[in-house]
Amino acid sequence: MLNEKMYGLGSKSSVIRELFAYGLERKKLVGEDKVYDFSLGNPSIPAPPQVKQALLELLEEPAEALHGYTPASGDPEVRKILAESVNRRFGTHFTAENFYMTVGAAASLNISIHAVANPGDDFIVFAPFFPEYKVWVENAEANLLVTPADTESFQIDFEAFERLLSPRTKGIIINSPNNPSGAVYSEATIQKLAKLLKQKQEEYGTSIYLITDEPYREIVYDGLTVPYVTQYYENTIVCYSYSKSLSLPGERIGYIIVPDELTDSGRVMAAVAGAGRALGYVCAPVLFQRAVARCADVTGDISAYARNRDLLYNGLTKLGYECVRPQGAFYLFVKSLEPDANAFSEKAKQHDVLVVPSDSFGCTGYVRISYCVSEKTIVDSLPAFAEIMREYQ
């Protein structure tokens, strides 16, 4: 007998992946430039030249040193360099011992959830949220509770959030800059969240862990600053990936930070190591551990994303679409032209425009458009968006 839960996850991919696979097949039929694929958050800007240089230099080192195992938590020197980089940029005081290298943000989040979750615990997310959170939380035998979206600002609806808090609350997962809305939580929002969680910890006599999902941290616009959450709330676990900042999504490299200030931090870090072991995430890819250490203070040129944001946002709003203006990441959250976002997505497919319906993000009535594509794709797609709008008028 198979594990039916795992069969269910494996036999049906996410809506995002299904659209991407459809797009690949459709391009074979009608041509690459005739399909406007906005499904996947796959960075379109190249990795910074420092990444290539780092790899070339590393490949000259002895193979046994370059490709051998590191400790399960990662190369100590890499972790030291990354801690120093984070400290310089955010005024923190981490050491190598606070870092655990991981196979990308997915592993970071999965490990962190499993490290602190017990069966029946509650984890709370804020809609719209990345759909895989549900998979990871439920795989840890915990419950995912969803705070409805504040569609006016896409900050946090604190009244709705507080109603979900209880002594069973073990973790809160936040993602800022946000996938799919592009919103960035303001300092006021983070301060209010931290204050409320501290009050509830005191009231319940429990630890509530704030897990921050941060692969888009460096992708922000208009001079905006993303608050570094450990400076506001002690029980914060940071999950980071270089997939977006260095355009390395396929290399699956990131880290977890467990600050010393976190309650029982030593035990939590041991639980992180144990979860990594149990899930099979030990010794993240060594070549890329060392490559990102050499590029610790480097970020790709995000000006292309800023141009794409303005081009797409201005183009769609001019056509009459209602959009959330992104503050960060590289997604546009657009109000569907009918209440059923899945039906709207299917209508768009008829015009070879691939957009992701919002239902799986916990927020109905929108579609996500990933604008980490070529500028030409955006320009060429606007007549198709115009035709879709005409069909609804």
Protein backbone atom coordinates (compact mmCIF):
# COMPACT_ATOMS: atom_id res chain seq x y z
CA MET A 1 0.00 0.00 0.00
CA LEU A 2 1.36 3.40 -0.97
CA ASN A 3 1.41 6.44 1.27
CA GLU A 4 -1.74 8.03 -0.14
CA LYS A 5 -0.81 11.46 1.20
CA MET A 6 2.49 11.41 -0.69
CA TYR A 7 0.79 9.96 -3.77
CA GLY A 8 -1.67 12.84 -3.73
CA LEU A 9 1.13 15.40 -3.57
CA GLY A 10 3.14 13.71 -6.31
CA SER A 11 0.36 12.87 -8.72
CA LYS A 12 -0.93 16.43 -8.97
CA SER A 13 1.50 19.30 -9.27
CA SER A 14 0.81 22.86 -8.17
CA VAL A 15 -1.23 25.17 -10.40
CA ILE A 16 1.94 27.17 -11.02
CA ARG A 17 3.88 24.14 -12.26
CA GLU A 18 0.95 22.93 -14.35
CA LEU A 19 0.75 26.28 -16.14
CA PHE A 20 4.51 26.31 -16.70
CA ALA A 21 4.42 22.78 -18.18
CA TYR A 22 1.48 23.76 -20.38
CA GLY A 23 3.42 26.78 -21.59
CA LEU A 24 6.41 24.67 -22.60
CA GLU A 25 4.22 22.42 -24.75
CA ARG A 26 2.26 25.33 -26.19
CA LYS A 27 5.46 27.10 -27.26
CA LYS A 28 6.42 24.03 -29.31
CA LEU A 29 3.16 24.37 -31.23
CA VAL A 30 2.84 28.11 -31.83
CA GLY A 31 6.33 29.46 -31.20
CA GLU A 32 8.28 30.76 -28.24
CA ASP A 33 7.34 34.40 -28.87
CA LYS A 34 3.60 33.69 -29.18
CA VAL A 35 3.11 32.44 -25.61
CA TYR A 36 3.19 35.01 -22.80
CA ASP A 37 4.19 32.89 -19.84
CA PHE A 38 3.88 34.75 -16.53
CA SER A 39 3.52 31.59 -14.44
CA LEU A 40 6.86 30.92 -12.78
CA GLY A 41 9.03 33.09 -10.54
CA ASN A 42 12.17 32.22 -12.48
CA PRO A 43 14.61 35.18 -12.41
CA SER A 44 15.25 36.58 -15.87
CA ILE A 45 18.27 38.72 -15.04
CA PRO A 46 21.60 36.89 -15.20
CA ALA A 47 23.59 36.04 -12.11
CA PRO A 48 26.09 38.81 -11.26
CA PRO A 49 29.52 38.37 -12.91
CA GLN A 50 31.04 37.81 -9.46
CA VAL A 51 29.22 34.45 -9.32
CA LYS A 52 30.86 33.19 -12.51
CA GLN A 53 34.24 34.48 -11.33
CA ALA A 54 33.83 32.76 -7.97
CA LEU A 55 32.94 29.47 -9.64
CA LEU A 56 35.88 29.65 -12.04
CA GLU A 57 38.27 30.30 -9.19
CA LEU A 58 36.78 27.54 -7.06
CA LEU A 59 37.01 25.00 -9.87
CA GLU A 60 40.78 25.46 -9.87
CA GLU A 61 40.96 24.15 -6.30
CA PRO A 62 41.71 20.47 -5.56
CA ALA A 63 38.64 18.38 -6.33
CA GLU A 64 38.72 16.45 -3.07
CA ALA A 65 38.57 19.71 -1.11
CA LEU A 66 35.98 21.32 -3.37
CA HIS A 67 33.49 18.49 -3.67
CA GLY A 68 33.89 16.72 -0.34
CA TYR A 69 31.36 16.77 2.49
CA THR A 70 31.17 19.66 4.92
CA PRO A 71 29.69 19.37 8.41
CA ALA A 72 25.92 18.82 8.25
CA SER A 73 25.28 22.48 9.15
CA GLY A 74 27.62 23.75 6.43
CA ASP A 75 31.21 24.88 5.96
CA PRO A 76 32.25 26.76 9.14
CA GLU A 77 34.18 29.39 7.17
CA VAL A 78 31.21 29.96 4.85
CA ARG A 79 28.90 30.43 7.82
CA LYS A 80 31.37 32.85 9.41
CA ILE A 81 31.58 34.95 6.22
CA LEU A 82 27.79 35.03 5.82
CA ALA A 83 27.31 36.04 9.47
CA GLU A 84 29.75 38.92 9.01
CA SER A 85 27.91 40.03 5.87
CA VAL A 86 24.50 40.02 7.57
CA ASN A 87 25.97 41.87 10.56
CA ARG A 88 27.43 44.60 8.33
CA ARG A 89 24.19 45.12 6.44
CA PHE A 90 21.65 44.88 9.23
CA GLY A 91 23.45 45.78 12.44
CA THR A 92 23.10 42.28 13.92
CA HIS A 93 25.71 40.28 15.86
CA PHE A 94 25.46 36.74 14.53
CA THR A 95 28.27 34.19 14.42
CA ALA A 96 28.81 31.06 12.36
CA GLU A 97 27.06 29.11 15.12
CA ASN A 98 23.78 30.89 14.35
CA PHE A 99 23.78 29.65 10.73
CA TYR A 100 22.64 26.37 9.20
CA MET A 101 23.22 26.05 5.43
CA THR A 102 20.30 24.63 3.48
CA VAL A 103 19.13 23.42 0.09
CA GLY A 104 17.30 26.67 -0.70
CA ALA A 105 14.40 28.45 1.02
CA ALA A 106 12.09 25.44 0.68
CA ALA A 107 14.46 23.39 2.82
CA SER A 108 14.95 26.30 5.23
CA LEU A 109 11.22 26.61 5.85
CA ASN A 110 10.55 22.87 5.93
CA ILE A 111 13.36 22.30 8.44
CA SER A 112 12.32 25.26 10.62
CA ILE A 113 8.70 24.13 10.76
CA HIS A 114 9.64 20.54 11.61
CA ALA A 115 12.16 21.72 14.20
CA VAL A 116 9.52 23.43 16.36
CA ALA A 117 6.24 21.70 15.44
CA ASN A 118 4.51 19.02 17.45
CA PRO A 119 1.38 17.23 16.18
CA GLY A 120 -1.68 19.45 16.60
CA ASP A 121 0.23 22.74 16.83
CA ASP A 122 -1.09 25.75 14.91
CA PHE A 123 0.89 27.76 12.38
CA ILE A 124 -0.63 31.00 11.11
CA VAL A 125 -0.02 32.59 7.71
CA PHE A 126 -1.29 35.77 6.11
CA ALA A 127 -3.13 35.61 2.81
CA PRO A 128 -1.99 35.79 0.15
CA PHE A 129 0.75 33.27 0.93
CA PHE A 130 3.02 30.86 -0.94
CA PRO A 131 0.96 27.64 -1.35
CA GLU A 132 3.72 25.23 -0.29
CA TYR A 133 3.47 26.50 3.31
CA LYS A 134 0.37 24.31 3.64
CA VAL A 135 2.26 21.24 2.41
CA TRP A 136 5.16 21.74 4.82
CA VAL A 137 3.02 22.54 7.87
CA GLU A 138 0.64 19.64 7.32
CA ASN A 139 3.53 17.25 6.68
CA ALA A 140 4.73 18.17 10.18
CA GLU A 141 1.26 17.07 11.44
CA ALA A 142 0.43 20.64 12.40
CA ASN A 143 -2.50 22.86 11.38
CA LEU A 144 -2.29 25.77 8.96
CA LEU A 145 -4.57 28.70 9.86
CA VAL A 146 -5.02 31.49 7.33
CA THR A 147 -5.51 35.16 8.22
CA PRO A 148 -7.69 36.69 5.48
CA ALA A 149 -6.04 39.26 3.24
CA ASP A 150 -6.33 42.97 3.83
CA THR A 151 -6.90 43.76 0.16
CA GLU A 152 -6.71 47.50 0.77
CA SER A 153 -3.05 47.56 1.82
CA PHE A 154 -1.89 43.92 1.87
CA GLN A 155 -0.43 44.56 5.31
CA ILE A 156 -1.78 42.49 8.25
CA ASP A 157 -5.41 42.44 9.33
CA PHE A 158 -4.60 42.36 13.04
CA GLU A 159 -8.18 41.88 14.24
CA ALA A 160 -8.59 38.77 12.10
CA PHE A 161 -5.11 37.57 13.07
CA GLU A 162 -5.67 37.93 16.80
CA ARG A 163 -8.81 35.81 16.59
CA LEU A 164 -6.67 32.90 15.35
CA LEU A 165 -4.11 33.10 18.16
CA SER A 166 -4.41 30.55 20.97
CA PRO A 167 -2.24 28.50 23.34
CA ARG A 168 -1.87 26.03 20.43
CA THR A 169 -0.09 28.66 18.31
CA LYS A 170 3.47 27.51 17.67
CA GLY A 171 4.54 29.54 14.65
CA ILE A 172 3.76 32.50 12.43
CA ILE A 173 5.14 32.53 8.87
CA ILE A 174 5.66 35.85 7.13
CA ASN A 175 6.97 36.57 3.64
CA SER A 176 8.08 40.14 2.95
CA PRO A 177 8.53 41.20 0.17
CA ASN A 178 5.53 39.04 -0.52
CA ASN A 179 4.86 36.41 -3.12
CA PRO A 180 2.32 36.97 -4.72
CA SER A 181 1.25 40.52 -3.79
CA GLY A 182 4.62 42.30 -3.95
CA ALA A 183 3.77 44.04 -0.66
CA VAL A 184 6.48 44.85 1.90
CA TYR A 185 5.54 44.84 5.57
CA SER A 186 6.22 48.28 7.00
CA GLU A 187 8.20 48.86 10.17
CA ALA A 188 4.92 49.82 11.88
CA THR A 189 3.40 46.47 10.88
CA ILE A 190 6.41 44.51 12.16
CA GLN A 191 6.45 46.47 15.41
CA LYS A 192 2.74 45.85 15.97
CA LEU A 193 3.16 42.15 15.16
CA ALA A 194 6.11 41.81 17.54
CA LYS A 195 4.25 43.58 20.35
CA LEU A 196 1.19 41.35 19.96
CA LEU A 197 3.23 38.14 19.87
CA LYS A 198 5.17 39.15 22.99
CA GLN A 199 1.87 39.79 24.78
CA LYS A 200 0.48 36.41 23.73
CA GLN A 201 3.64 34.56 24.76
CA GLU A 202 3.29 36.14 28.19
CA GLU A 203 -0.42 35.35 28.35
CA TYR A 204 -0.08 31.72 27.24
CA GLY A 205 3.27 30.95 28.85
CA THR A 206 4.51 29.51 25.55
CA SER A 207 7.05 30.31 22.85
CA ILE A 208 5.65 31.56 19.54
CA TYR A 209 8.19 31.40 16.71
CA LEU A 210 8.10 33.98 13.94
CA ILE A 211 9.49 32.30 10.82
CA THR A 212 10.50 34.80 8.14
CA ASP A 213 10.67 33.67 4.51
CA GLU A 214 13.08 36.13 2.86
CA PRO A 215 14.23 35.17 -0.65
CA TYR A 216 13.04 38.52 -2.05
CA ARG A 217 14.63 40.72 0.63
CA GLU A 218 16.93 42.58 -1.80
CA ILE A 219 14.28 43.04 -4.52
CA VAL A 220 12.58 46.25 -3.44
CA TYR A 221 11.76 49.47 -5.26
CA ASP A 222 11.57 53.22 -4.74
CA GLY A 223 14.20 53.26 -2.00
CA LEU A 224 12.13 51.12 0.34
CA THR A 225 13.75 49.36 3.33
CA VAL A 226 12.69 45.92 4.51
CA PRO A 227 12.78 45.69 8.34
CA TYR A 228 15.16 43.02 9.68
CA VAL A 229 12.76 41.15 11.92
CA THR A 230 15.23 39.78 14.50
CA GLN A 231 15.70 43.37 15.68
CA TYR A 232 12.02 43.58 16.66
CA TYR A 233 11.16 40.11 17.95
CA GLU A 234 13.54 37.76 19.74
CA ASN A 235 11.86 34.46 18.81
CA THR A 236 12.50 34.93 15.10
CA ILE A 237 13.91 32.24 12.79
CA VAL A 238 15.23 33.61 9.48
CA CYS A 239 14.92 31.53 6.30
CA TYR A 240 16.85 32.84 3.31
CA SER A 241 17.74 31.77 -0.22
CA TYR A 242 20.06 33.16 -2.91
CA SER A 243 17.66 32.08 -5.66
CA LYS A 244 16.39 35.61 -6.31
CA SER A 245 19.13 37.96 -5.12
CA LEU A 246 21.82 36.15 -7.14
CA SER A 247 19.50 34.60 -9.77
CA LEU A 248 20.42 31.06 -8.70
CA PRO A 249 17.04 29.32 -8.25
CA GLY A 250 18.16 26.00 -9.67
CA GLU A 251 21.23 25.77 -7.43
CA ARG A 252 19.12 25.47 -4.27
CA ILE A 253 21.32 27.25 -1.74
CA GLY A 254 20.28 29.18 1.34
CA TYR A 255 20.44 29.22 5.13
CA ILE A 256 18.59 29.36 8.43
CA ILE A 257 19.52 31.80 11.21
CA VAL A 258 18.67 30.91 14.81
CA PRO A 259 19.58 34.00 16.90
CA ASP A 260 21.08 33.66 20.37
CA GLU A 261 18.22 35.81 21.71
CA LEU A 262 15.67 33.17 20.75
CA THR A 263 14.32 31.25 23.76
CA ASP A 264 16.36 28.05 24.26
CA SER A 265 18.29 28.92 21.10
CA GLY A 266 20.76 26.07 21.58
CA ARG A 267 17.97 23.51 21.76
CA VAL A 268 16.21 25.07 18.77
CA MET A 269 19.42 24.91 16.70
CA ALA A 270 19.82 21.27 17.72
CA ALA A 271 16.23 20.67 16.60
CA VAL A 272 17.02 22.40 13.29
CA ALA A 273 19.97 20.04 12.84
CA GLY A 274 17.75 17.10 13.77
CA ALA A 275 15.03 18.14 11.32
CA GLY A 276 17.64 18.58 8.59
CA ARG A 277 18.88 15.08 9.34
CA ALA A 278 15.40 13.52 9.40
CA LEU A 279 14.36 15.23 6.18
CA GLY A 280 17.62 14.42 4.40
CA TYR A 281 18.79 18.03 4.09
CA VAL A 282 22.35 17.68 5.38
CA CYS A 283 25.43 19.22 3.80
CA ALA A 284 24.00 21.74 1.33
CA PRO A 285 25.72 21.82 -2.11
CA VAL A 286 29.34 22.55 -1.26
CA LEU A 287 30.39 24.29 -4.47
CA PHE A 288 27.59 26.81 -4.06
CA GLN A 289 28.11 27.21 -0.32
CA ARG A 290 31.56 28.50 -1.16
CA ALA A 291 30.41 30.47 -4.19
CA VAL A 292 27.80 32.48 -2.24
CA ALA A 293 30.36 33.14 0.50
CA ARG A 294 32.49 34.89 -2.12
CA CYS A 295 29.44 36.90 -3.22
CA ALA A 296 28.03 37.59 0.25
CA ASP A 297 27.55 41.33 -0.29
CA VAL A 298 26.55 41.10 -3.96
CA THR A 299 23.07 41.47 -5.45
CA GLY A 300 21.99 41.20 -9.06
CA ASP A 301 20.95 44.30 -10.99
CA ILE A 302 17.25 44.56 -10.16
CA SER A 303 16.69 47.64 -12.32
CA ALA A 304 15.26 45.35 -15.02
CA TYR A 305 12.57 44.21 -12.59
CA ALA A 306 11.76 47.82 -11.71
CA ARG A 307 11.35 48.64 -15.41
CA ASN A 308 9.18 45.58 -15.96
CA ARG A 309 7.02 46.46 -12.97
CA ASP A 310 6.33 49.93 -14.27
CA LEU A 311 5.79 48.75 -17.84
CA LEU A 312 3.30 46.06 -16.85
CA TYR A 313 1.54 47.99 -14.08
CA ASN A 314 1.11 51.09 -16.22
CA GLY A 315 0.08 49.06 -19.25
CA LEU A 316 -2.55 47.02 -17.44
CA THR A 317 -4.04 49.87 -15.39
CA LYS A 318 -4.33 51.92 -18.60
CA LEU A 319 -6.39 49.06 -20.05
CA GLY A 320 -8.67 49.13 -16.99
CA TYR A 321 -7.26 46.31 -14.88
CA GLU A 322 -7.11 46.79 -11.09
CA CYS A 323 -3.64 45.95 -9.78
CA VAL A 324 -1.72 46.11 -6.54
CA ARG A 325 1.38 48.25 -7.19
CA PRO A 326 4.28 46.07 -6.02
CA GLN A 327 6.78 47.42 -3.51
CA GLY A 328 9.09 44.43 -3.93
CA ALA A 329 9.56 40.92 -5.37
CA PHE A 330 8.59 40.51 -9.05
CA TYR A 331 4.88 39.73 -9.08
CA LEU A 332 1.83 41.78 -10.01
CA PHE A 333 -1.38 40.82 -8.19
CA VAL A 334 -4.24 41.67 -10.54
CA LYS A 335 -7.95 41.60 -9.79
CA SER A 336 -9.70 38.98 -11.91
CA LEU A 337 -12.28 40.25 -14.40
CA GLU A 338 -14.76 37.77 -12.95
CA PRO A 339 -15.16 36.39 -9.41
CA ASP A 340 -13.79 32.99 -10.41
CA ALA A 341 -10.05 33.53 -10.90
CA ASN A 342 -9.64 30.01 -12.28
CA ALA A 343 -12.16 30.74 -15.02
CA PHE A 344 -10.39 34.00 -15.80
CA SER A 345 -7.04 32.19 -15.99
CA GLU A 346 -8.56 29.70 -18.44
CA LYS A 347 -9.92 32.57 -20.54
CA ALA A 348 -6.46 34.14 -20.60
CA LYS A 349 -4.97 30.81 -21.74
CA GLN A 350 -7.13 31.04 -24.86
CA HIS A 351 -5.04 34.11 -25.73
CA ASP A 352 -1.79 32.33 -24.78
CA VAL A 353 -1.48 34.49 -21.66
CA LEU A 354 -0.51 32.33 -18.67
CA VAL A 355 -1.40 33.83 -15.29
CA VAL A 356 -1.80 32.02 -11.96
CA PRO A 357 -5.23 32.08 -10.24
CA SER A 358 -5.05 33.21 -6.63
CA ASP A 359 -7.15 30.55 -4.91
CA SER A 360 -4.14 28.45 -3.88
CA PHE A 361 -2.61 31.60 -2.36
CA GLY A 362 -5.55 31.78 0.05
CA CYS A 363 -7.09 34.85 -1.59
CA THR A 364 -9.81 34.51 -4.21
CA GLY A 365 -10.54 36.83 -7.11
CA TYR A 366 -6.98 37.70 -8.24
CA VAL A 367 -4.31 36.36 -10.55
CA ARG A 368 -0.54 36.48 -10.09
CA ILE A 369 1.56 37.73 -12.98
CA SER A 370 5.27 37.03 -12.66
CA TYR A 371 7.13 39.85 -14.42
CA CYS A 372 10.63 38.41 -14.13
CA VAL A 373 10.44 37.93 -17.90
CA SER A 374 11.89 39.78 -20.87
CA GLU A 375 10.68 43.30 -21.53
CA LYS A 376 9.62 42.11 -25.00
CA THR A 377 7.29 39.52 -23.47
CA ILE A 378 5.50 42.25 -21.53
CA VAL A 379 5.23 44.63 -24.50
CA ASP A 380 4.01 41.88 -26.83
CA SER A 381 1.45 40.63 -24.30
CA LEU A 382 -0.38 43.92 -23.83
CA PRO A 383 -2.53 43.58 -27.00
CA ALA A 384 -3.61 40.14 -25.73
CA PHE A 385 -4.52 41.64 -22.35
CA ALA A 386 -6.47 44.32 -24.20
CA GLU A 387 -8.39 41.68 -26.14
CA ILE A 388 -9.19 39.80 -22.92
CA MET A 389 -10.53 43.03 -21.40
CA ARG A 390 -12.73 43.64 -24.48
CA GLU A 391 -14.26 40.20 -24.16
CA TYR A 392 -15.39 41.02 -20.62
CA GLN A 393 -16.82 44.43 -21.44
